[in-house]
């Protein structure tokens, strides 16, 4: 872990930092791939399993509206989304 401050004070003068407070002050982790699949599932109103099938296994959606949404999200033309 980087930049661990060894003092027991927060940015507010005179207030001690607790373990819980320290944990809450850490930046939120990011998971770009997971977030991407979640976005697809949400915008297409499908399950995560379905979105994963499209992304990980190259299965093309049968609904043209889903293809349009995927194209919009990625910026890839519908003709080029799959081999």
PDB file of N, CA and C in Angstrom:
ATOM      1  N   UNK A   1       0.859  -1.161   0.000  1.00  0.00           N
ATOM      2  CA  UNK A   1       0.000   0.000   0.000  1.00  0.00           C
ATOM      3  C   UNK A   1       0.903   1.221   0.000  1.00  0.00           C
ATOM      4  N   UNK A   2       0.577   2.201  -0.763  1.00  0.00           N
ATOM      5  CA  UNK A   2       1.420   3.384  -0.860  1.00  0.00           C
ATOM      6  C   UNK A   2       0.835   4.559  -0.093  1.00  0.00           C
ATOM      7  N   UNK A   3       1.719   5.463   0.264  1.00  0.00           N
ATOM      8  CA  UNK A   3       1.341   6.713   0.927  1.00  0.00           C
ATOM      9  C   UNK A   3       0.508   6.530   2.196  1.00  0.00           C
ATOM     10  N   UNK A   4       0.934   5.622   3.032  1.00  0.00           N
ATOM     11  CA  UNK A   4       0.242   5.471   4.305  1.00  0.00           C
ATOM     12  C   UNK A   4       0.792   6.520   5.255  1.00  0.00           C
ATOM     13  N   UNK A   5      -0.101   7.311   5.790  1.00  0.00           N
ATOM     14  CA  UNK A   5       0.284   8.360   6.718  1.00  0.00           C
ATOM     15  C   UNK A   5       0.356   7.761   8.110  1.00  0.00           C
ATOM     16  N   UNK A   6       1.522   7.895   8.755  1.00  0.00           N
ATOM     17  CA  UNK A   6       1.712   7.273  10.059  1.00  0.00           C
ATOM     18  C   UNK A   6       1.127   8.084  11.202  1.00  0.00           C
ATOM     19  N   UNK A   7       0.659   9.277  10.948  1.00  0.00           N
ATOM     20  CA  UNK A   7       0.078  10.047  12.044  1.00  0.00           C
ATOM     21  C   UNK A   7      -1.356   9.601  12.263  1.00  0.00           C
ATOM     22  N   UNK A   8      -1.853   9.851  13.448  1.00  0.00           N
ATOM     23  CA  UNK A   8      -3.205   9.441  13.793  1.00  0.00           C
ATOM     24  C   UNK A   8      -4.154  10.630  13.779  1.00  0.00           C
ATOM     25  N   UNK A   9      -3.940  11.546  12.843  1.00  0.00           N
ATOM     26  CA  UNK A   9      -4.835  12.685  12.745  1.00  0.00           C
ATOM     27  C   UNK A   9      -5.342  12.802  11.328  1.00  0.00           C
ATOM     28  N   UNK A  10      -6.560  13.236  11.210  1.00  0.00           N
ATOM     29  CA  UNK A  10      -7.149  13.443   9.896  1.00  0.00           C
ATOM     30  C   UNK A  10      -6.864  14.873   9.463  1.00  0.00           C
ATOM     31  N   UNK A  11      -7.423  15.243   8.332  1.00  0.00           N
ATOM     32  CA  UNK A  11      -7.231  16.603   7.844  1.00  0.00           C
ATOM     33  C   UNK A  11      -7.899  17.628   8.750  1.00  0.00           C
ATOM     34  N   UNK A  12      -8.864  17.175   9.535  1.00  0.00           N
ATOM     35  CA  UNK A  12      -9.508  18.076  10.480  1.00  0.00           C
ATOM     36  C   UNK A  12      -8.654  18.122  11.741  1.00  0.00           C
ATOM     37  N   UNK A  13      -8.180  19.308  12.087  1.00  0.00           N
ATOM     38  CA  UNK A  13      -7.257  19.446  13.212  1.00  0.00           C
ATOM     39  C   UNK A  13      -7.876  18.940  14.507  1.00  0.00           C
ATOM     40  N   UNK A  14      -7.060  18.192  15.255  1.00  0.00           N
ATOM     41  CA  UNK A  14      -7.468  17.734  16.556  1.00  0.00           C
ATOM     42  C   UNK A  14      -8.357  16.505  16.556  1.00  0.00           C
ATOM     43  N   UNK A  15      -8.709  15.980  15.392  1.00  0.00           N
ATOM     44  CA  UNK A  15      -9.576  14.806  15.344  1.00  0.00           C
ATOM     45  C   UNK A  15      -8.740  13.590  14.958  1.00  0.00           C
ATOM     46  N   UNK A  16      -8.823  12.542  15.760  1.00  0.00           N
ATOM     47  CA  UNK A  16      -8.069  11.322  15.487  1.00  0.00           C
ATOM     48  C   UNK A  16      -8.722  10.522  14.377  1.00  0.00           C
ATOM     49  N   UNK A  17      -7.865   9.902  13.581  1.00  0.00           N
ATOM     50  CA  UNK A  17      -8.332   9.031  12.499  1.00  0.00           C
ATOM     51  C   UNK A  17      -8.571   7.650  13.091  1.00  0.00           C
ATOM     52  N   UNK A  18      -9.708   7.063  12.790  1.00  0.00           N
ATOM     53  CA  UNK A  18     -10.001   5.696  13.214  1.00  0.00           C
ATOM     54  C   UNK A  18      -9.680   4.752  12.060  1.00  0.00           C
ATOM     55  N   UNK A  19      -9.626   3.469  12.362  1.00  0.00           N
ATOM     56  CA  UNK A  19      -9.401   2.474  11.319  1.00  0.00           C
ATOM     57  C   UNK A  19     -10.517   2.532  10.288  1.00  0.00           C
ATOM     58  N   UNK A  20     -11.756   2.633  10.774  1.00  0.00           N
ATOM     59  CA  UNK A  20     -12.908   2.731   9.871  1.00  0.00           C
ATOM     60  C   UNK A  20     -12.814   3.998   9.022  1.00  0.00           C
ATOM     61  N   UNK A  21     -12.428   5.100   9.648  1.00  0.00           N
ATOM     62  CA  UNK A  21     -12.278   6.357   8.916  1.00  0.00           C
ATOM     63  C   UNK A  21     -11.196   6.276   7.862  1.00  0.00           C
ATOM     64  N   UNK A  22     -10.082   5.627   8.215  1.00  0.00           N
ATOM     65  CA  UNK A  22      -8.995   5.453   7.251  1.00  0.00           C
ATOM     66  C   UNK A  22      -9.481   4.637   6.057  1.00  0.00           C
ATOM     67  N   UNK A  23     -10.168   3.536   6.336  1.00  0.00           N
ATOM     68  CA  UNK A  23     -10.693   2.678   5.271  1.00  0.00           C
ATOM     69  C   UNK A  23     -11.630   3.460   4.357  1.00  0.00           C
ATOM     70  N   UNK A  24     -12.535   4.233   4.952  1.00  0.00           N
ATOM     71  CA  UNK A  24     -13.487   5.006   4.159  1.00  0.00           C
ATOM     72  C   UNK A  24     -12.800   6.092   3.327  1.00  0.00           C
ATOM     73  N   UNK A  25     -11.622   6.544   3.772  1.00  0.00           N
ATOM     74  CA  UNK A  25     -10.923   7.604   3.054  1.00  0.00           C
ATOM     75  C   UNK A  25     -10.151   7.087   1.844  1.00  0.00           C
ATOM     76  N   UNK A  26      -9.988   5.776   1.738  1.00  0.00           N
ATOM     77  CA  UNK A  26      -9.263   5.211   0.603  1.00  0.00           C
ATOM     78  C   UNK A  26     -10.080   5.385  -0.671  1.00  0.00           C
ATOM     79  N   UNK A  27      -9.424   5.568  -1.819  1.00  0.00           N
ATOM     80  CA  UNK A  27     -10.170   5.727  -3.073  1.00  0.00           C
ATOM     81  C   UNK A  27     -10.905   4.442  -3.438  1.00  0.00           C
ATOM     82  N   UNK A  28     -12.027   4.609  -4.098  1.00  0.00           N
ATOM     83  CA  UNK A  28     -12.810   3.465  -4.558  1.00  0.00           C
ATOM     84  C   UNK A  28     -12.030   2.744  -5.660  1.00  0.00           C
ATOM     85  N   UNK A  29     -12.030   1.409  -5.639  1.00  0.00           N
ATOM     86  CA  UNK A  29     -11.358   0.673  -6.703  1.00  0.00           C
ATOM     87  C   UNK A  29     -12.157   0.772  -7.995  1.00  0.00           C
ATOM     88  N   UNK A  30     -11.480   0.593  -9.097  1.00  0.00           N
ATOM     89  CA  UNK A  30     -12.168   0.592 -10.384  1.00  0.00           C
ATOM     90  C   UNK A  30     -11.960  -0.761 -11.064  1.00  0.00           C
ATOM     91  N   UNK A  31     -12.970  -1.203 -11.727  1.00  0.00           N
ATOM     92  CA  UNK A  31     -12.952  -2.464 -12.456  1.00  0.00           C
ATOM     93  C   UNK A  31     -13.524  -2.200 -13.845  1.00  0.00           C
ATOM     94  N   UNK A  32     -12.702  -1.678 -14.751  1.00  0.00           N
ATOM     95  CA  UNK A  32     -13.219  -1.264 -16.067  1.00  0.00           C
ATOM     96  C   UNK A  32     -13.970  -2.358 -16.828  1.00  0.00           C
ATOM     97  N   UNK A  33     -13.463  -3.570 -16.807  1.00  0.00           N
ATOM     98  CA  UNK A  33     -14.138  -4.642 -17.562  1.00  0.00           C
ATOM     99  C   UNK A  33     -15.482  -4.988 -16.935  1.00  0.00           C
ATOM    100  N   UNK A  34     -15.501  -5.106 -15.633  1.00  0.00           N
ATOM    101  CA  UNK A  34     -16.757  -5.418 -14.938  1.00  0.00           C
ATOM    102  C   UNK A  34     -17.756  -4.275 -15.120  1.00  0.00           C
ATOM    103  N   UNK A  35     -17.270  -3.041 -14.997  1.00  0.00           N
ATOM    104  CA  UNK A  35     -18.145  -1.878 -15.192  1.00  0.00           C
ATOM    105  C   UNK A  35     -18.709  -1.846 -16.612  1.00  0.00           C
ATOM    106  N   UNK A  36     -17.889  -2.213 -17.591  1.00  0.00           N
ATOM    107  CA  UNK A  36     -18.320  -2.236 -18.986  1.00  0.00           C
ATOM    108  C   UNK A  36     -19.466  -3.238 -19.184  1.00  0.00           C
ATOM    109  N   UNK A  37     -19.297  -4.447 -18.659  1.00  0.00           N
ATOM    110  CA  UNK A  37     -20.339  -5.476 -18.794  1.00  0.00           C
ATOM    111  C   UNK A  37     -21.599  -5.046 -18.044  1.00  0.00           C
ATOM    112  N   UNK A  38     -21.433  -4.448 -16.874  1.00  0.00           N
ATOM    113  CA  UNK A  38     -22.595  -3.954 -16.123  1.00  0.00           C
ATOM    114  C   UNK A  38     -23.340  -2.880 -16.901  1.00  0.00           C
ATOM    115  N   UNK A  39     -22.615  -1.991 -17.557  1.00  0.00           N
ATOM    116  CA  UNK A  39     -23.230  -0.938 -18.367  1.00  0.00           C
ATOM    117  C   UNK A  39     -24.028  -1.546 -19.515  1.00  0.00           C
ATOM    118  N   UNK A  40     -23.448  -2.524 -20.175  1.00  0.00           N
ATOM    119  CA  UNK A  40     -24.143  -3.187 -21.281  1.00  0.00           C
ATOM    120  C   UNK A  40     -25.435  -3.832 -20.784  1.00  0.00           C
ATOM    121  N   UNK A  41     -25.335  -4.567 -19.690  1.00  0.00           N
ATOM    122  CA  UNK A  41     -26.514  -5.249 -19.152  1.00  0.00           C
ATOM    123  C   UNK A  41     -27.601  -4.249 -18.790  1.00  0.00           C
ATOM    124  N   UNK A  42     -27.199  -3.152 -18.176  1.00  0.00           N
ATOM    125  CA  UNK A  42     -28.173  -2.135 -17.758  1.00  0.00           C
ATOM    126  C   UNK A  42     -28.831  -1.455 -18.954  1.00  0.00           C
ATOM    127  N   UNK A  43     -28.024  -1.002 -19.902  1.00  0.00           N
ATOM    128  CA  UNK A  43     -28.572  -0.262 -21.041  1.00  0.00           C
ATOM    129  C   UNK A  43     -29.398  -1.134 -21.979  1.00  0.00           C
ATOM    130  N   UNK A  44     -29.057  -2.414 -22.064  1.00  0.00           N
ATOM    131  CA  UNK A  44     -29.811  -3.326 -22.927  1.00  0.00           C
ATOM    132  C   UNK A  44     -30.925  -4.046 -22.176  1.00  0.00           C
ATOM    133  N   UNK A  45     -30.976  -3.848 -20.875  1.00  0.00           N
ATOM    134  CA  UNK A  45     -31.990  -4.488 -20.035  1.00  0.00           C
ATOM    135  C   UNK A  45     -31.946  -6.018 -20.170  1.00  0.00           C
ATOM    136  N   UNK A  46     -30.705  -6.535 -20.029  1.00  0.00           N
ATOM    137  CA  UNK A  46     -30.483  -7.981 -20.070  1.00  0.00           C
ATOM    138  C   UNK A  46     -29.718  -8.389 -18.816  1.00  0.00           C
ATOM    139  N   UNK A  47     -29.597  -9.688 -18.607  1.00  0.00           N
ATOM    140  CA  UNK A  47     -28.854 -10.184 -17.451  1.00  0.00           C
ATOM    141  C   UNK A  47     -27.353 -10.023 -17.680  1.00  0.00           C
ATOM    142  N   UNK A  48     -26.602 -10.085 -16.568  1.00  0.00           N
ATOM    143  CA  UNK A  48     -25.143 -10.045 -16.683  1.00  0.00           C
ATOM    144  C   UNK A  48     -24.631 -11.241 -17.471  1.00  0.00           C
ATOM    145  N   UNK A  49     -25.281 -12.377 -17.321  1.00  0.00           N
ATOM    146  CA  UNK A  49     -24.877 -13.574 -18.067  1.00  0.00           C
ATOM    147  C   UNK A  49     -24.996 -13.335 -19.571  1.00  0.00           C
ATOM    148  N   UNK A  50     -26.073 -12.700 -19.991  1.00  0.00           N
ATOM    149  CA  UNK A  50     -26.271 -12.410 -21.413  1.00  0.00           C
ATOM    150  C   UNK A  50     -25.207 -11.431 -21.906  1.00  0.00           C
ATOM    151  N   UNK A  51     -24.976 -10.362 -21.150  1.00  0.00           N
ATOM    152  CA  UNK A  51     -23.954  -9.382 -21.538  1.00  0.00           C
ATOM    153  C   UNK A  51     -22.577 -10.033 -21.613  1.00  0.00           C
ATOM    154  N   UNK A  52     -22.274 -10.910 -20.659  1.00  0.00           N
ATOM    155  CA  UNK A  52     -20.994 -11.634 -20.687  1.00  0.00           C
ATOM    156  C   UNK A  52     -20.886 -12.522 -21.920  1.00  0.00           C
ATOM    157  N   UNK A  53     -21.979 -13.173 -22.301  1.00  0.00           N
ATOM    158  CA  UNK A  53     -21.955 -14.017 -23.500  1.00  0.00           C
ATOM    159  C   UNK A  53     -21.614 -13.196 -24.742  1.00  0.00           C
ATOM    160  N   UNK A  54     -22.170 -12.013 -24.826  1.00  0.00           N
ATOM    161  CA  UNK A  54     -21.880 -11.155 -25.976  1.00  0.00           C
ATOM    162  C   UNK A  54     -20.414 -10.742 -25.998  1.00  0.00           C
ATOM    163  N   UNK A  55     -19.919 -10.314 -24.850  1.00  0.00           N
ATOM    164  CA  UNK A  55     -18.571  -9.749 -24.774  1.00  0.00           C
ATOM    165  C   UNK A  55     -17.491 -10.824 -24.762  1.00  0.00           C
ATOM    166  N   UNK A  56     -17.636 -11.806 -23.907  1.00  0.00           N
ATOM    167  CA  UNK A  56     -16.568 -12.790 -23.719  1.00  0.00           C
ATOM    168  C   UNK A  56     -16.576 -13.910 -24.754  1.00  0.00           C
ATOM    169  N   UNK A  57     -17.758 -14.262 -25.236  1.00  0.00           N
ATOM    170  CA  UNK A  57     -17.849 -15.418 -26.132  1.00  0.00           C
ATOM    171  C   UNK A  57     -18.236 -15.052 -27.559  1.00  0.00           C
ATOM    172  N   UNK A  58     -18.407 -13.767 -27.816  1.00  0.00           N
ATOM    173  CA  UNK A  58     -18.666 -13.311 -29.174  1.00  0.00           C
ATOM    174  C   UNK A  58     -20.036 -13.667 -29.715  1.00  0.00           C
ATOM    175  N   UNK A  59     -20.980 -13.906 -28.834  1.00  0.00           N
ATOM    176  CA  UNK A  59     -22.342 -14.231 -29.278  1.00  0.00           C
ATOM    177  C   UNK A  59     -23.041 -12.933 -29.671  1.00  0.00           C
ATOM    178  N   UNK A  60     -23.600 -12.913 -30.863  1.00  0.00           N
ATOM    179  CA  UNK A  60     -24.271 -11.715 -31.368  1.00  0.00           C
ATOM    180  C   UNK A  60     -25.724 -11.688 -30.897  1.00  0.00           C
ATOM    181  N   UNK A  61     -26.168 -10.554 -30.355  1.00  0.00           N
ATOM    182  CA  UNK A  61     -27.572 -10.452 -29.931  1.00  0.00           C
ATOM    183  C   UNK A  61     -28.503 -10.589 -31.125  1.00  0.00           C
ATOM    184  N   UNK A  62     -29.643 -11.216 -30.893  1.00  0.00           N
ATOM    185  CA  UNK A  62     -30.625 -11.358 -31.970  1.00  0.00           C
ATOM    186  C   UNK A  62     -31.460 -10.092 -32.131  1.00  0.00           C
ATOM    187  N   UNK A  63     -31.504  -9.262 -31.097  1.00  0.00           N
ATOM    188  CA  UNK A  63     -32.277  -8.026 -31.131  1.00  0.00           C
ATOM    189  C   UNK A  63     -31.432  -6.903 -31.757  1.00  0.00           C
ATOM    190  N   UNK A  64     -31.853  -6.338 -32.894  1.00  0.00           N
ATOM    191  CA  UNK A  64     -31.095  -5.264 -33.541  1.00  0.00           C
ATOM    192  C   UNK A  64     -30.904  -4.032 -32.642  1.00  0.00           C
ATOM    193  N   UNK A  65     -31.840  -3.807 -31.731  1.00  0.00           N
ATOM    194  CA  UNK A  65     -31.718  -2.674 -30.814  1.00  0.00           C
ATOM    195  C   UNK A  65     -30.521  -2.867 -29.879  1.00  0.00           C
ATOM    196  N   UNK A  66     -30.268  -4.086 -29.472  1.00  0.00           N
ATOM    197  CA  UNK A  66     -29.111  -4.368 -28.630  1.00  0.00           C
ATOM    198  C   UNK A  66     -27.820  -4.120 -29.395  1.00  0.00           C
ATOM    199  N   UNK A  67     -27.799  -4.502 -30.646  1.00  0.00           N
ATOM    200  CA  UNK A  67     -26.622  -4.249 -31.487  1.00  0.00           C
ATOM    201  C   UNK A  67     -26.388  -2.745 -31.602  1.00  0.00           C
ATOM    202  N   UNK A  68     -27.441  -1.987 -31.793  1.00  0.00           N
ATOM    203  CA  UNK A  68     -27.325  -0.535 -31.894  1.00  0.00           C
ATOM    204  C   UNK A  68     -26.757   0.052 -30.601  1.00  0.00           C
ATOM    205  N   UNK A  69     -27.256  -0.419 -29.469  1.00  0.00           N
ATOM    206  CA  UNK A  69     -26.792   0.086 -28.167  1.00  0.00           C
ATOM    207  C   UNK A  69     -25.320  -0.260 -27.962  1.00  0.00           C
ATOM    208  N   UNK A  70     -24.934  -1.475 -28.299  1.00  0.00           N
ATOM    209  CA  UNK A  70     -23.529  -1.871 -28.165  1.00  0.00           C
ATOM    210  C   UNK A  70     -22.629  -1.013 -29.041  1.00  0.00           C
ATOM    211  N   UNK A  71     -23.094  -0.713 -30.238  1.00  0.00           N
ATOM    212  CA  UNK A  71     -22.348   0.154 -31.136  1.00  0.00           C
ATOM    213  C   UNK A  71     -22.210   1.554 -30.550  1.00  0.00           C
ATOM    214  N   UNK A  72     -23.279   2.044 -29.964  1.00  0.00           N
ATOM    215  CA  UNK A  72     -23.283   3.371 -29.352  1.00  0.00           C
ATOM    216  C   UNK A  72     -22.323   3.433 -28.157  1.00  0.00           C
ATOM    217  N   UNK A  73     -22.339   2.400 -27.332  1.00  0.00           N
ATOM    218  CA  UNK A  73     -21.479   2.369 -26.145  1.00  0.00           C
ATOM    219  C   UNK A  73     -20.004   2.322 -26.529  1.00  0.00           C
ATOM    220  N   UNK A  74     -19.681   1.495 -27.522  1.00  0.00           N
ATOM    221  CA  UNK A  74     -18.279   1.264 -27.866  1.00  0.00           C
ATOM    222  C   UNK A  74     -17.723   2.205 -28.934  1.00  0.00           C
ATOM    223  N   UNK A  75     -18.609   2.762 -29.751  1.00  0.00           N
ATOM    224  CA  UNK A  75     -18.130   3.579 -30.870  1.00  0.00           C
ATOM    225  C   UNK A  75     -17.690   2.732 -32.051  1.00  0.00           C
ATOM    226  N   UNK A  76     -17.962   1.441 -32.002  1.00  0.00           N
ATOM    227  CA  UNK A  76     -17.619   0.522 -33.092  1.00  0.00           C
ATOM    228  C   UNK A  76     -18.858   0.348 -33.956  1.00  0.00           C
ATOM    229  N   UNK A  77     -18.685   0.398 -35.264  1.00  0.00           N
ATOM    230  CA  UNK A  77     -19.841   0.251 -36.149  1.00  0.00           C
ATOM    231  C   UNK A  77     -20.444  -1.143 -35.974  1.00  0.00           C
ATOM    232  N   UNK A  78     -21.764  -1.261 -36.130  1.00  0.00           N
ATOM    233  CA  UNK A  78     -22.437  -2.558 -35.937  1.00  0.00           C
ATOM    234  C   UNK A  78     -21.841  -3.673 -36.804  1.00  0.00           C
ATOM    235  N   UNK A  79     -21.384  -3.338 -38.001  1.00  0.00           N
ATOM    236  CA  UNK A  79     -20.827  -4.346 -38.917  1.00  0.00           C
ATOM    237  C   UNK A  79     -19.505  -4.915 -38.401  1.00  0.00           C
ATOM    238  N   UNK A  80     -18.821  -4.164 -37.552  1.00  0.00           N
ATOM    239  CA  UNK A  80     -17.502  -4.578 -37.089  1.00  0.00           C
ATOM    240  C   UNK A  80     -17.481  -5.144 -35.671  1.00  0.00           C
ATOM    241  N   UNK A  81     -18.614  -5.178 -35.004  1.00  0.00           N
ATOM    242  CA  UNK A  81     -18.642  -5.662 -33.620  1.00  0.00           C
ATOM    243  C   UNK A  81     -18.304  -7.152 -33.509  1.00  0.00           C
ATOM    244  N   UNK A  82     -18.621  -7.946 -34.540  1.00  0.00           N
ATOM    245  CA  UNK A  82     -18.335  -9.376 -34.545  1.00  0.00           C
ATOM    246  C   UNK A  82     -17.635  -9.728 -35.822  1.00  0.00           C
ATOM    247  N   UNK A  83     -16.873 -10.828 -35.777  1.00  0.00           N
ATOM    248  CA  UNK A  83     -16.134 -11.295 -36.976  1.00  0.00           C
ATOM    249  C   UNK A  83     -17.085 -11.739 -38.048  1.00  0.00           C
TER     250      UNK A  83
END
